Amino acid sequence: MLIMKKILITFLSLLLFCPLCFAFDALDATSNYEFDYRFIDNPFEGQKMVSDKEFEQALERATPKPRKGFWSWIFRKEAPEPAPVVDFRLPNEMNSFNDVLNKKPVIIIGPAIFDAEGNVLPPGHYQVSYKENNLELSQGTNVVGKLKARPSKDDYESSSIIYARILEVNENFVKIIYANIDGTHEGYARIKKY
C-alpha cells in the first residue's frame, strides 16, 4: 500500500511540474526566440497567384483516372450509393392542428356507472369524444359506452381547447363534460349502487 502511495505521488508531481518546466523554458528572457507577428498585417505574404490554367492542370492531376487494360476489371470499384435524401421541412401547421383536434381527453371514472343503454361501465380510464348528440366513452379503439349529451354554455374555467371532466352531481349521478373547438357538451350517468 505504501509503494502505491509513493508511485501515485511521484506520478502526480511529474504531471504537475513537467509542463511548468517547459513553460518557463519557453518564456525565459534569455532565449532568442521571438514570435513573428507580421503575418497579421499581411496574411497572404509570400504566396504567388495561380492562373486558371494552372488551377485546371492541378485539378486534373488530382482527379483519379479510370483504369484501362487487362487488370482493370479486378481493380474496378463500384459506384457508391447516393446518400439518402433527408427531408428537413417542417410539418404542415394544419396537420399539427388536426392532430390536436383528433386527440381524445381521458377521464378516470371511480364508481361503476350505467350508460344510456343500461350497460354497466366499471371503474377505469376512458377516452371521451362527441358524436351525433352522444358522448362516447372508449378504451383503446373500442367504444364501450354512450351517454346522451346536450350542449352547454359553461366553459368550466378551462384553459385548454379540448378537455373532459367528471363531476359528481349528487350521490346518484355524475356529470361528464366534454369540450372541443366546436362547443361544450355534457352528459349524465347514473351511479351503480352495490
N, C-alpha and C. Protein backbone atom coordinates (compact mmCIF):
# COMPACT_ATOMS: atom_id res chain seq x y z
N MET A 1 0.82 -1.19 0.00
CA MET A 1 0.00 0.00 0.00
C MET A 1 0.87 1.26 0.00
N LEU A 2 1.97 1.21 0.75
CA LEU A 2 2.87 2.33 0.84
C LEU A 2 3.57 2.60 -0.50
N ILE A 3 3.91 1.52 -1.20
CA ILE A 3 4.55 1.66 -2.51
C ILE A 3 3.59 2.32 -3.50
N MET A 4 2.31 1.95 -3.43
CA MET A 4 1.30 2.53 -4.32
C MET A 4 1.18 4.04 -4.08
N LYS A 5 1.24 4.44 -2.80
CA LYS A 5 1.15 5.87 -2.49
C LYS A 5 2.35 6.62 -3.05
N LYS A 6 3.55 6.04 -2.92
CA LYS A 6 4.75 6.69 -3.43
C LYS A 6 4.70 6.82 -4.96
N ILE A 7 4.25 5.77 -5.61
CA ILE A 7 4.13 5.82 -7.07
C ILE A 7 3.12 6.88 -7.49
N LEU A 8 2.01 6.95 -6.79
CA LEU A 8 0.97 7.93 -7.11
C LEU A 8 1.49 9.35 -6.89
N ILE A 9 2.18 9.57 -5.78
CA ILE A 9 2.71 10.91 -5.50
C ILE A 9 3.75 11.30 -6.54
N THR A 10 4.62 10.37 -6.93
CA THR A 10 5.63 10.64 -7.95
C THR A 10 4.98 10.98 -9.29
N PHE A 11 4.00 10.20 -9.66
CA PHE A 11 3.31 10.42 -10.94
C PHE A 11 2.61 11.78 -10.94
N LEU A 12 1.91 12.11 -9.87
CA LEU A 12 1.20 13.39 -9.82
C LEU A 12 2.18 14.57 -9.81
N SER A 13 3.31 14.42 -9.12
CA SER A 13 4.27 15.52 -9.12
C SER A 13 4.89 15.71 -10.50
N LEU A 14 5.18 14.61 -11.22
CA LEU A 14 5.68 14.74 -12.59
C LEU A 14 4.65 15.40 -13.49
N LEU A 15 3.40 15.01 -13.31
CA LEU A 15 2.31 15.57 -14.11
C LEU A 15 2.16 17.06 -13.85
N LEU A 16 2.42 17.48 -12.62
CA LEU A 16 2.22 18.87 -12.25
C LEU A 16 3.42 19.73 -12.65
N PHE A 17 4.66 19.27 -12.43
CA PHE A 17 5.82 20.12 -12.60
C PHE A 17 6.44 20.08 -13.99
N CYS A 18 6.28 19.00 -14.75
CA CYS A 18 6.89 18.94 -16.08
C CYS A 18 6.35 20.00 -17.03
N PRO A 19 5.04 20.20 -17.12
CA PRO A 19 4.56 21.27 -18.01
C PRO A 19 5.05 22.64 -17.59
N LEU A 20 5.22 22.85 -16.28
CA LEU A 20 5.71 24.14 -15.81
C LEU A 20 7.15 24.37 -16.24
N CYS A 21 7.97 23.32 -16.22
CA CYS A 21 9.36 23.44 -16.65
C CYS A 21 9.44 23.85 -18.12
N PHE A 22 8.61 23.22 -18.96
CA PHE A 22 8.62 23.57 -20.37
C PHE A 22 8.11 24.98 -20.59
N ALA A 23 7.13 25.39 -19.80
CA ALA A 23 6.58 26.73 -19.94
C ALA A 23 7.61 27.77 -19.55
N PHE A 24 8.34 27.57 -18.46
CA PHE A 24 9.35 28.52 -18.04
C PHE A 24 10.49 28.60 -19.05
N ASP A 25 10.81 27.46 -19.67
CA ASP A 25 11.87 27.46 -20.67
C ASP A 25 11.46 28.28 -21.89
N ALA A 26 10.20 28.18 -22.28
CA ALA A 26 9.73 28.91 -23.45
C ALA A 26 9.63 30.40 -23.15
N LEU A 27 9.35 30.76 -21.92
CA LEU A 27 9.18 32.16 -21.56
C LEU A 27 10.45 32.77 -21.00
N ASP A 28 11.52 32.03 -21.04
CA ASP A 28 12.78 32.51 -20.48
C ASP A 28 13.23 33.77 -21.24
N ALA A 29 13.63 34.77 -20.47
CA ALA A 29 14.02 36.05 -21.07
C ALA A 29 15.34 35.96 -21.81
N THR A 30 16.15 34.95 -21.47
CA THR A 30 17.46 34.84 -22.11
C THR A 30 17.39 34.13 -23.46
N SER A 31 16.25 33.51 -23.77
CA SER A 31 16.16 32.80 -25.05
C SER A 31 16.04 33.80 -26.19
N ASN A 32 16.49 33.42 -27.35
CA ASN A 32 16.50 34.31 -28.51
C ASN A 32 15.24 34.13 -29.37
N TYR A 33 14.30 33.38 -28.88
CA TYR A 33 13.09 33.14 -29.67
C TYR A 33 12.19 34.36 -29.62
N GLU A 34 11.79 34.81 -30.81
CA GLU A 34 10.87 35.92 -30.88
C GLU A 34 9.76 35.57 -31.86
N PHE A 35 8.57 35.78 -31.48
CA PHE A 35 7.43 35.42 -32.32
C PHE A 35 7.24 36.48 -33.41
N ASP A 36 6.97 36.01 -34.63
CA ASP A 36 6.82 36.92 -35.77
C ASP A 36 5.35 37.28 -35.93
N TYR A 37 5.04 38.53 -35.66
CA TYR A 37 3.65 38.99 -35.73
C TYR A 37 3.33 39.67 -37.05
N ARG A 38 4.22 39.67 -38.01
CA ARG A 38 4.00 40.37 -39.27
C ARG A 38 2.91 39.71 -40.11
N PHE A 39 2.67 38.42 -39.89
CA PHE A 39 1.66 37.74 -40.71
C PHE A 39 0.26 38.28 -40.44
N ILE A 40 0.05 38.97 -39.32
CA ILE A 40 -1.27 39.50 -39.00
C ILE A 40 -1.62 40.63 -39.96
N ASP A 41 -0.66 41.46 -40.29
CA ASP A 41 -0.93 42.58 -41.19
C ASP A 41 -1.12 42.14 -42.63
N ASN A 42 -0.35 41.13 -43.07
CA ASN A 42 -0.45 40.66 -44.45
C ASN A 42 -0.43 39.12 -44.43
N PRO A 43 -1.57 38.48 -44.27
CA PRO A 43 -1.58 37.03 -44.12
C PRO A 43 -1.21 36.28 -45.39
N PHE A 44 -1.28 36.89 -46.57
CA PHE A 44 -1.01 36.20 -47.82
C PHE A 44 0.38 36.52 -48.38
N GLU A 45 1.24 37.04 -47.55
CA GLU A 45 2.57 37.39 -47.99
C GLU A 45 3.35 36.12 -48.35
N GLY A 46 4.03 36.15 -49.49
CA GLY A 46 4.84 35.01 -49.92
C GLY A 46 4.08 34.01 -50.78
N GLN A 47 2.79 34.20 -50.97
CA GLN A 47 2.03 33.29 -51.83
C GLN A 47 1.95 33.89 -53.23
N LYS A 48 2.09 33.04 -54.24
CA LYS A 48 2.01 33.54 -55.60
C LYS A 48 0.62 33.27 -56.16
N MET A 49 0.22 34.09 -57.07
CA MET A 49 -1.09 33.95 -57.71
C MET A 49 -1.06 32.77 -58.67
N VAL A 50 -2.17 32.07 -58.77
CA VAL A 50 -2.29 30.92 -59.66
C VAL A 50 -3.28 31.27 -60.75
N SER A 51 -2.91 31.00 -61.99
CA SER A 51 -3.80 31.29 -63.11
C SER A 51 -4.84 30.17 -63.21
N ASP A 52 -5.87 30.43 -64.00
CA ASP A 52 -6.93 29.44 -64.20
C ASP A 52 -6.38 28.18 -64.86
N LYS A 53 -5.46 28.36 -65.79
CA LYS A 53 -4.89 27.21 -66.50
C LYS A 53 -4.11 26.32 -65.53
N GLU A 54 -3.29 26.91 -64.67
CA GLU A 54 -2.54 26.14 -63.68
C GLU A 54 -3.48 25.44 -62.70
N PHE A 55 -4.55 26.12 -62.35
CA PHE A 55 -5.53 25.51 -61.44
C PHE A 55 -6.18 24.30 -62.08
N GLU A 56 -6.60 24.41 -63.33
CA GLU A 56 -7.22 23.29 -64.04
C GLU A 56 -6.25 22.12 -64.18
N GLN A 57 -4.97 22.39 -64.45
CA GLN A 57 -3.98 21.32 -64.56
C GLN A 57 -3.79 20.61 -63.21
N ALA A 58 -3.73 21.36 -62.14
CA ALA A 58 -3.59 20.75 -60.81
C ALA A 58 -4.82 19.92 -60.47
N LEU A 59 -5.97 20.38 -60.88
CA LEU A 59 -7.21 19.64 -60.63
C LEU A 59 -7.23 18.34 -61.43
N GLU A 60 -6.76 18.38 -62.66
CA GLU A 60 -6.68 17.17 -63.49
C GLU A 60 -5.73 16.14 -62.89
N ARG A 61 -4.60 16.59 -62.40
CA ARG A 61 -3.64 15.68 -61.78
C ARG A 61 -4.20 15.04 -60.53
N ALA A 62 -5.05 15.76 -59.80
CA ALA A 62 -5.58 15.24 -58.53
C ALA A 62 -6.74 14.28 -58.73
N THR A 63 -7.47 14.40 -59.83
CA THR A 63 -8.61 13.50 -60.05
C THR A 63 -8.12 12.15 -60.53
N PRO A 64 -8.64 11.07 -59.97
CA PRO A 64 -8.20 9.74 -60.40
C PRO A 64 -8.73 9.40 -61.79
N LYS A 65 -7.91 8.77 -62.57
CA LYS A 65 -8.28 8.38 -63.93
C LYS A 65 -8.82 6.95 -63.90
N PRO A 66 -9.79 6.63 -64.75
CA PRO A 66 -10.28 5.25 -64.80
C PRO A 66 -9.19 4.32 -65.34
N ARG A 67 -9.10 3.15 -64.77
CA ARG A 67 -8.08 2.18 -65.19
C ARG A 67 -8.49 1.53 -66.51
N LYS A 68 -7.50 1.31 -67.33
CA LYS A 68 -7.74 0.65 -68.61
C LYS A 68 -6.74 -0.49 -68.72
N GLY A 69 -7.14 -1.47 -69.46
CA GLY A 69 -6.21 -2.57 -69.68
C GLY A 69 -6.75 -3.88 -69.14
N PHE A 70 -5.85 -4.89 -69.12
CA PHE A 70 -6.22 -6.25 -68.77
C PHE A 70 -6.67 -6.37 -67.31
N TRP A 71 -5.99 -5.71 -66.38
CA TRP A 71 -6.28 -5.86 -64.95
C TRP A 71 -7.34 -4.88 -64.45
N SER A 72 -7.94 -4.10 -65.29
CA SER A 72 -8.89 -3.08 -64.83
C SER A 72 -10.15 -3.69 -64.23
N TRP A 73 -10.54 -4.87 -64.68
CA TRP A 73 -11.75 -5.47 -64.13
C TRP A 73 -11.52 -5.94 -62.70
N ILE A 74 -10.28 -6.21 -62.29
CA ILE A 74 -10.00 -6.62 -60.91
C ILE A 74 -10.06 -5.40 -59.99
N PHE A 75 -9.54 -4.28 -60.44
CA PHE A 75 -9.45 -3.09 -59.59
C PHE A 75 -10.63 -2.16 -59.77
N ARG A 76 -11.66 -2.61 -60.46
CA ARG A 76 -12.82 -1.77 -60.70
C ARG A 76 -13.58 -1.57 -59.38
N LYS A 77 -13.95 -0.34 -59.12
CA LYS A 77 -14.72 -0.02 -57.92
C LYS A 77 -16.15 0.27 -58.33
N GLU A 78 -17.06 -0.21 -57.53
CA GLU A 78 -18.46 0.08 -57.78
C GLU A 78 -18.75 1.52 -57.38
N ALA A 79 -19.68 2.12 -58.08
CA ALA A 79 -20.06 3.49 -57.75
C ALA A 79 -20.75 3.49 -56.39
N PRO A 80 -20.42 4.42 -55.53
CA PRO A 80 -21.07 4.45 -54.22
C PRO A 80 -22.54 4.81 -54.35
N GLU A 81 -23.33 4.28 -53.42
CA GLU A 81 -24.76 4.59 -53.44
C GLU A 81 -24.96 6.05 -53.04
N PRO A 82 -25.92 6.68 -53.64
CA PRO A 82 -26.14 8.08 -53.27
C PRO A 82 -26.64 8.17 -51.83
N ALA A 83 -26.33 9.28 -51.20
CA ALA A 83 -26.75 9.48 -49.81
C ALA A 83 -28.27 9.58 -49.77
N PRO A 84 -28.88 9.05 -48.71
CA PRO A 84 -30.33 9.14 -48.61
C PRO A 84 -30.79 10.59 -48.48
N VAL A 85 -31.90 10.87 -49.07
CA VAL A 85 -32.44 12.23 -49.04
C VAL A 85 -33.18 12.41 -47.72
N VAL A 86 -32.79 13.43 -46.99
CA VAL A 86 -33.42 13.72 -45.71
C VAL A 86 -34.29 14.94 -45.89
N ASP A 87 -35.53 14.82 -45.47
CA ASP A 87 -36.46 15.92 -45.60
C ASP A 87 -36.42 16.77 -44.34
N PHE A 88 -35.95 18.00 -44.47
CA PHE A 88 -35.83 18.88 -43.32
C PHE A 88 -36.99 19.86 -43.22
N ARG A 89 -38.01 19.65 -44.01
CA ARG A 89 -39.13 20.59 -43.97
C ARG A 89 -39.92 20.42 -42.68
N LEU A 90 -40.47 21.50 -42.21
CA LEU A 90 -41.30 21.44 -41.02
C LEU A 90 -42.67 20.87 -41.39
N PRO A 91 -43.33 20.21 -40.45
CA PRO A 91 -44.65 19.68 -40.76
C PRO A 91 -45.64 20.82 -41.03
N ASN A 92 -46.61 20.47 -41.80
CA ASN A 92 -47.65 21.44 -42.13
C ASN A 92 -48.37 21.85 -40.85
N GLU A 93 -48.62 23.13 -40.70
CA GLU A 93 -49.27 23.59 -39.48
C GLU A 93 -50.69 23.05 -39.34
N MET A 94 -51.38 22.86 -40.44
CA MET A 94 -52.75 22.34 -40.36
C MET A 94 -52.74 20.89 -39.89
N ASN A 95 -51.72 20.10 -40.29
CA ASN A 95 -51.66 18.72 -39.82
C ASN A 95 -51.47 18.67 -38.32
N SER A 96 -50.60 19.53 -37.78
CA SER A 96 -50.40 19.52 -36.34
C SER A 96 -51.65 20.01 -35.63
N PHE A 97 -52.37 20.95 -36.23
CA PHE A 97 -53.62 21.42 -35.62
C PHE A 97 -54.66 20.31 -35.64
N ASN A 98 -54.74 19.56 -36.75
CA ASN A 98 -55.67 18.44 -36.81
C ASN A 98 -55.30 17.34 -35.83
N ASP A 99 -53.99 17.13 -35.59
CA ASP A 99 -53.58 16.14 -34.60
C ASP A 99 -54.08 16.52 -33.22
N VAL A 100 -54.02 17.80 -32.90
CA VAL A 100 -54.52 18.26 -31.60
C VAL A 100 -56.03 18.04 -31.52
N LEU A 101 -56.73 18.33 -32.60
CA LEU A 101 -58.19 18.18 -32.58
C LEU A 101 -58.62 16.72 -32.50
N ASN A 102 -57.80 15.79 -33.01
CA ASN A 102 -58.18 14.38 -33.01
C ASN A 102 -57.81 13.66 -31.72
N LYS A 103 -57.10 14.31 -30.83
CA LYS A 103 -56.77 13.67 -29.56
C LYS A 103 -58.00 13.65 -28.67
N LYS A 104 -58.16 12.53 -27.98
CA LYS A 104 -59.30 12.38 -27.08
C LYS A 104 -58.83 12.54 -25.65
N PRO A 105 -59.47 13.42 -24.88
CA PRO A 105 -59.08 13.56 -23.48
C PRO A 105 -59.50 12.31 -22.69
N VAL A 106 -58.80 12.07 -21.58
CA VAL A 106 -59.04 10.88 -20.76
C VAL A 106 -59.59 11.32 -19.41
N ILE A 107 -60.60 10.59 -18.94
CA ILE A 107 -61.13 10.80 -17.60
C ILE A 107 -61.00 9.50 -16.82
N ILE A 108 -61.03 9.62 -15.50
CA ILE A 108 -60.98 8.46 -14.63
C ILE A 108 -62.33 8.38 -13.93
N ILE A 109 -63.03 7.28 -14.17
CA ILE A 109 -64.32 7.07 -13.54
C ILE A 109 -64.08 6.19 -12.32
N GLY A 110 -64.43 6.73 -11.14
CA GLY A 110 -64.22 6.00 -9.88
C GLY A 110 -65.29 4.96 -9.62
N PRO A 111 -66.56 5.36 -9.55
CA PRO A 111 -67.61 4.36 -9.31
C PRO A 111 -68.08 3.73 -10.62
N ALA A 112 -68.67 2.57 -10.55
CA ALA A 112 -69.28 1.96 -11.74
C ALA A 112 -70.52 2.78 -12.10
N ILE A 113 -70.72 3.02 -13.41
CA ILE A 113 -71.86 3.82 -13.86
C ILE A 113 -72.63 3.06 -14.94
N PHE A 114 -73.85 3.51 -15.17
CA PHE A 114 -74.68 2.97 -16.26
C PHE A 114 -74.61 3.94 -17.43
N ASP A 115 -74.50 3.40 -18.66
CA ASP A 115 -74.53 4.27 -19.83
C ASP A 115 -75.98 4.44 -20.30
N ALA A 116 -76.20 5.06 -21.45
CA ALA A 116 -77.54 5.36 -21.94
C ALA A 116 -78.32 4.10 -22.29
N GLU A 117 -77.63 3.02 -22.61
CA GLU A 117 -78.30 1.77 -22.97
C GLU A 117 -78.48 0.83 -21.78
N GLY A 118 -78.06 1.25 -20.60
CA GLY A 118 -78.21 0.44 -19.40
C GLY A 118 -77.04 -0.49 -19.12
N ASN A 119 -75.98 -0.42 -19.92
CA ASN A 119 -74.80 -1.26 -19.67
C ASN A 119 -73.97 -0.66 -18.53
N VAL A 120 -73.35 -1.53 -17.74
CA VAL A 120 -72.53 -1.08 -16.63
C VAL A 120 -71.10 -0.86 -17.11
N LEU A 121 -70.58 0.32 -16.83
CA LEU A 121 -69.19 0.64 -17.15
C LEU A 121 -68.40 0.56 -15.84
N PRO A 122 -67.43 -0.34 -15.74
CA PRO A 122 -66.67 -0.47 -14.50
C PRO A 122 -65.74 0.72 -14.29
N PRO A 123 -65.23 0.90 -13.08
CA PRO A 123 -64.27 1.99 -12.84
C PRO A 123 -63.04 1.81 -13.73
N GLY A 124 -62.48 2.93 -14.20
CA GLY A 124 -61.30 2.86 -15.05
C GLY A 124 -61.05 4.14 -15.81
N HIS A 125 -60.13 4.08 -16.74
CA HIS A 125 -59.77 5.22 -17.59
C HIS A 125 -60.56 5.12 -18.89
N TYR A 126 -61.16 6.24 -19.30
CA TYR A 126 -61.96 6.27 -20.52
C TYR A 126 -61.60 7.51 -21.34
N GLN A 127 -61.52 7.31 -22.65
CA GLN A 127 -61.36 8.44 -23.56
C GLN A 127 -62.75 8.94 -23.91
N VAL A 128 -62.90 10.25 -23.99
CA VAL A 128 -64.21 10.84 -24.24
C VAL A 128 -64.18 11.54 -25.59
N SER A 129 -65.24 11.33 -26.37
CA SER A 129 -65.40 12.04 -27.64
C SER A 129 -66.89 12.33 -27.84
N TYR A 130 -67.19 13.23 -28.78
CA TYR A 130 -68.58 13.61 -29.04
C TYR A 130 -68.94 13.28 -30.48
N LYS A 131 -70.04 12.52 -30.66
CA LYS A 131 -70.55 12.21 -32.00
C LYS A 131 -72.08 12.14 -31.95
N GLU A 132 -72.71 12.88 -32.83
CA GLU A 132 -74.15 12.80 -33.07
C GLU A 132 -74.96 12.81 -31.76
N ASN A 133 -74.83 13.87 -31.00
CA ASN A 133 -75.56 14.08 -29.74
C ASN A 133 -75.27 13.02 -28.68
N ASN A 134 -74.15 12.34 -28.79
CA ASN A 134 -73.75 11.34 -27.79
C ASN A 134 -72.32 11.60 -27.35
N LEU A 135 -72.07 11.37 -26.09
CA LEU A 135 -70.70 11.32 -25.58
C LEU A 135 -70.28 9.86 -25.63
N GLU A 136 -69.21 9.58 -26.34
CA GLU A 136 -68.74 8.20 -26.45
C GLU A 136 -67.58 8.00 -25.49
N LEU A 137 -67.70 6.95 -24.68
CA LEU A 137 -66.63 6.58 -23.77
C LEU A 137 -65.94 5.36 -24.37
N SER A 138 -64.64 5.46 -24.58
CA SER A 138 -63.94 4.36 -25.24
C SER A 138 -62.67 4.03 -24.47
N GLN A 139 -62.26 2.77 -24.64
CA GLN A 139 -60.98 2.31 -24.12
C GLN A 139 -60.22 1.74 -25.29
N GLY A 140 -59.08 2.37 -25.63
CA GLY A 140 -58.36 1.98 -26.83
C GLY A 140 -59.15 2.42 -28.04
N THR A 141 -59.45 1.50 -28.94
CA THR A 141 -60.24 1.83 -30.13
C THR A 141 -61.69 1.38 -30.00
N ASN A 142 -62.04 0.74 -28.89
CA ASN A 142 -63.40 0.20 -28.71
C ASN A 142 -64.26 1.18 -27.93
N VAL A 143 -65.43 1.49 -28.50
CA VAL A 143 -66.41 2.31 -27.78
C VAL A 143 -67.15 1.38 -26.83
N VAL A 144 -67.06 1.67 -25.53
CA VAL A 144 -67.66 0.79 -24.53
C VAL A 144 -68.95 1.35 -23.96
N GLY A 145 -69.22 2.61 -24.18
CA GLY A 145 -70.46 3.18 -23.68
C GLY A 145 -70.77 4.51 -24.31
N LYS A 146 -72.08 4.85 -24.30
CA LYS A 146 -72.53 6.13 -24.84
C LYS A 146 -73.46 6.79 -23.84
N LEU A 147 -73.38 8.12 -23.77
CA LEU A 147 -74.26 8.91 -22.93
C LEU A 147 -74.94 9.95 -23.80
N LYS A 148 -76.21 10.20 -23.54
CA LYS A 148 -76.91 11.28 -24.25
C LYS A 148 -76.29 12.60 -23.81
N ALA A 149 -75.99 13.45 -24.79
CA ALA A 149 -75.31 14.71 -24.49
C ALA A 149 -76.17 15.88 -24.89
N ARG A 150 -75.98 16.96 -24.19
CA ARG A 150 -76.66 18.20 -24.54
C ARG A 150 -75.63 19.32 -24.51
N PRO A 151 -75.83 20.36 -25.33
CA PRO A 151 -74.88 21.47 -25.35
C PRO A 151 -74.92 22.25 -24.04
N SER A 152 -73.81 22.83 -23.72
CA SER A 152 -73.70 23.63 -22.50
C SER A 152 -72.98 24.93 -22.83
N LYS A 153 -73.36 25.98 -22.15
CA LYS A 153 -72.71 27.29 -22.34
C LYS A 153 -71.54 27.47 -21.39
N ASP A 154 -71.48 26.68 -20.35
CA ASP A 154 -70.43 26.83 -19.34
C ASP A 154 -69.11 26.27 -19.85
N ASP A 155 -68.01 27.03 -19.71
CA ASP A 155 -66.71 26.52 -20.15
C ASP A 155 -65.92 25.91 -18.99
N TYR A 156 -66.49 25.92 -17.79
CA TYR A 156 -65.90 25.29 -16.61
C TYR A 156 -64.47 25.78 -16.34
N GLU A 157 -64.23 27.04 -16.68
CA GLU A 157 -62.96 27.72 -16.40
C GLU A 157 -61.75 26.91 -16.84
N SER A 158 -61.82 26.37 -18.04
CA SER A 158 -60.71 25.57 -18.55
C SER A 158 -59.78 26.44 -19.37
N SER A 159 -58.49 26.12 -19.30
CA SER A 159 -57.50 26.87 -20.07
C SER A 159 -57.12 26.15 -21.36
N SER A 160 -57.73 25.01 -21.65
CA SER A 160 -57.39 24.27 -22.87
C SER A 160 -58.57 24.23 -23.82
N ILE A 161 -58.30 23.89 -25.08
CA ILE A 161 -59.34 23.84 -26.10
C ILE A 161 -60.16 22.56 -25.97
N ILE A 162 -59.47 21.45 -25.81
CA ILE A 162 -60.14 20.15 -25.73
C ILE A 162 -59.91 19.59 -24.33
N TYR A 163 -61.00 19.30 -23.64
CA TYR A 163 -60.87 18.75 -22.30
C TYR A 163 -62.10 17.92 -21.96
N ALA A 164 -61.98 17.11 -20.93
CA ALA A 164 -63.09 16.32 -20.40
C ALA A 164 -62.95 16.29 -18.89
N ARG A 165 -64.11 16.32 -18.23
CA ARG A 165 -64.11 16.27 -16.76
C ARG A 165 -65.28 15.42 -16.31
N ILE A 166 -65.16 14.91 -15.11
CA ILE A 166 -66.27 14.21 -14.48
C ILE A 166 -66.54 14.89 -13.15
N LEU A 167 -67.79 15.23 -12.92
CA LEU A 167 -68.20 15.90 -11.69
C LEU A 167 -69.33 15.10 -11.05
N GLU A 168 -69.31 15.04 -9.73
CA GLU A 168 -70.39 14.35 -9.02
C GLU A 168 -71.52 15.35 -8.81
N VAL A 169 -72.71 14.99 -9.31
CA VAL A 169 -73.87 15.88 -9.16
C VAL A 169 -74.48 15.67 -7.79
N ASN A 170 -74.78 14.43 -7.46
CA ASN A 170 -75.25 14.05 -6.13
C ASN A 170 -74.84 12.60 -5.91
N GLU A 171 -75.38 11.96 -4.92
CA GLU A 171 -74.93 10.60 -4.62
C GLU A 171 -75.41 9.57 -5.63
N ASN A 172 -76.30 9.95 -6.54
CA ASN A 172 -76.82 9.01 -7.53
C ASN A 172 -76.34 9.27 -8.96
N PHE A 173 -75.86 10.48 -9.26
CA PHE A 173 -75.50 10.84 -10.63
C PHE A 173 -74.13 11.52 -10.70
N VAL A 174 -73.47 11.32 -11.86
CA VAL A 174 -72.26 12.07 -12.20
C VAL A 174 -72.49 12.78 -13.53
N LYS A 175 -71.81 13.90 -13.69
CA LYS A 175 -71.91 14.65 -14.94
C LYS A 175 -70.55 14.55 -15.63
N ILE A 176 -70.56 14.15 -16.91
CA ILE A 176 -69.35 14.08 -17.72
C ILE A 176 -69.39 15.22 -18.71
N ILE A 177 -68.34 16.04 -18.69
CA ILE A 177 -68.26 17.22 -19.53
C ILE A 177 -67.19 16.99 -20.58
N TYR A 178 -67.51 17.31 -21.82
CA TYR A 178 -66.54 17.21 -22.91
C TYR A 178 -66.62 18.51 -23.70
N ALA A 179 -65.46 19.10 -24.00
CA ALA A 179 -65.42 20.33 -24.78
C ALA A 179 -64.35 20.21 -25.84
N ASN A 180 -64.68 20.72 -27.01
CA ASN A 180 -63.68 20.85 -28.08
C ASN A 180 -63.89 22.21 -28.72
N ILE A 181 -63.30 22.41 -29.87
CA ILE A 181 -63.38 23.71 -30.51
C ILE A 181 -64.81 24.04 -30.98
N ASP A 182 -65.61 23.01 -31.19
CA ASP A 182 -66.99 23.23 -31.66
C ASP A 182 -67.92 23.65 -30.54
N GLY A 183 -67.67 23.21 -29.31
CA GLY A 183 -68.54 23.57 -28.20
C GLY A 183 -68.36 22.64 -27.02
N THR A 184 -69.13 22.96 -25.98
CA THR A 184 -69.08 22.16 -24.76
C THR A 184 -70.36 21.33 -24.67
N HIS A 185 -70.18 20.06 -24.30
CA HIS A 185 -71.33 19.14 -24.18
C HIS A 185 -71.23 18.43 -22.85
N GLU A 186 -72.38 18.12 -22.28
CA GLU A 186 -72.40 17.41 -21.00
C GLU A 186 -73.42 16.29 -21.04
N GLY A 187 -73.08 15.23 -20.34
CA GLY A 187 -73.97 14.09 -20.24
C GLY A 187 -74.01 13.59 -18.81
N TYR A 188 -75.14 12.95 -18.45
CA TYR A 188 -75.32 12.46 -17.09
C TYR A 188 -75.33 10.94 -17.11
N ALA A 189 -74.77 10.37 -16.04
CA ALA A 189 -74.76 8.91 -15.90
C ALA A 189 -75.15 8.58 -14.46
N ARG A 190 -75.93 7.49 -14.33
CA ARG A 190 -76.36 7.05 -13.00
C ARG A 190 -75.29 6.15 -12.39
N ILE A 191 -75.00 6.36 -11.12
CA ILE A 191 -74.00 5.56 -10.40
C ILE A 191 -74.65 4.25 -9.99
N LYS A 192 -73.92 3.16 -10.19
CA LYS A 192 -74.42 1.84 -9.78
C LYS A 192 -74.20 1.69 -8.29
N LYS A 193 -75.27 1.34 -7.59
CA LYS A 193 -75.22 1.11 -6.14
C LYS A 193 -75.01 -0.38 -5.89
N TYR A 194 -74.14 -0.69 -4.95
CA TYR A 194 -73.86 -2.09 -4.63
C TYR A 194 -74.68 -2.54 -3.47
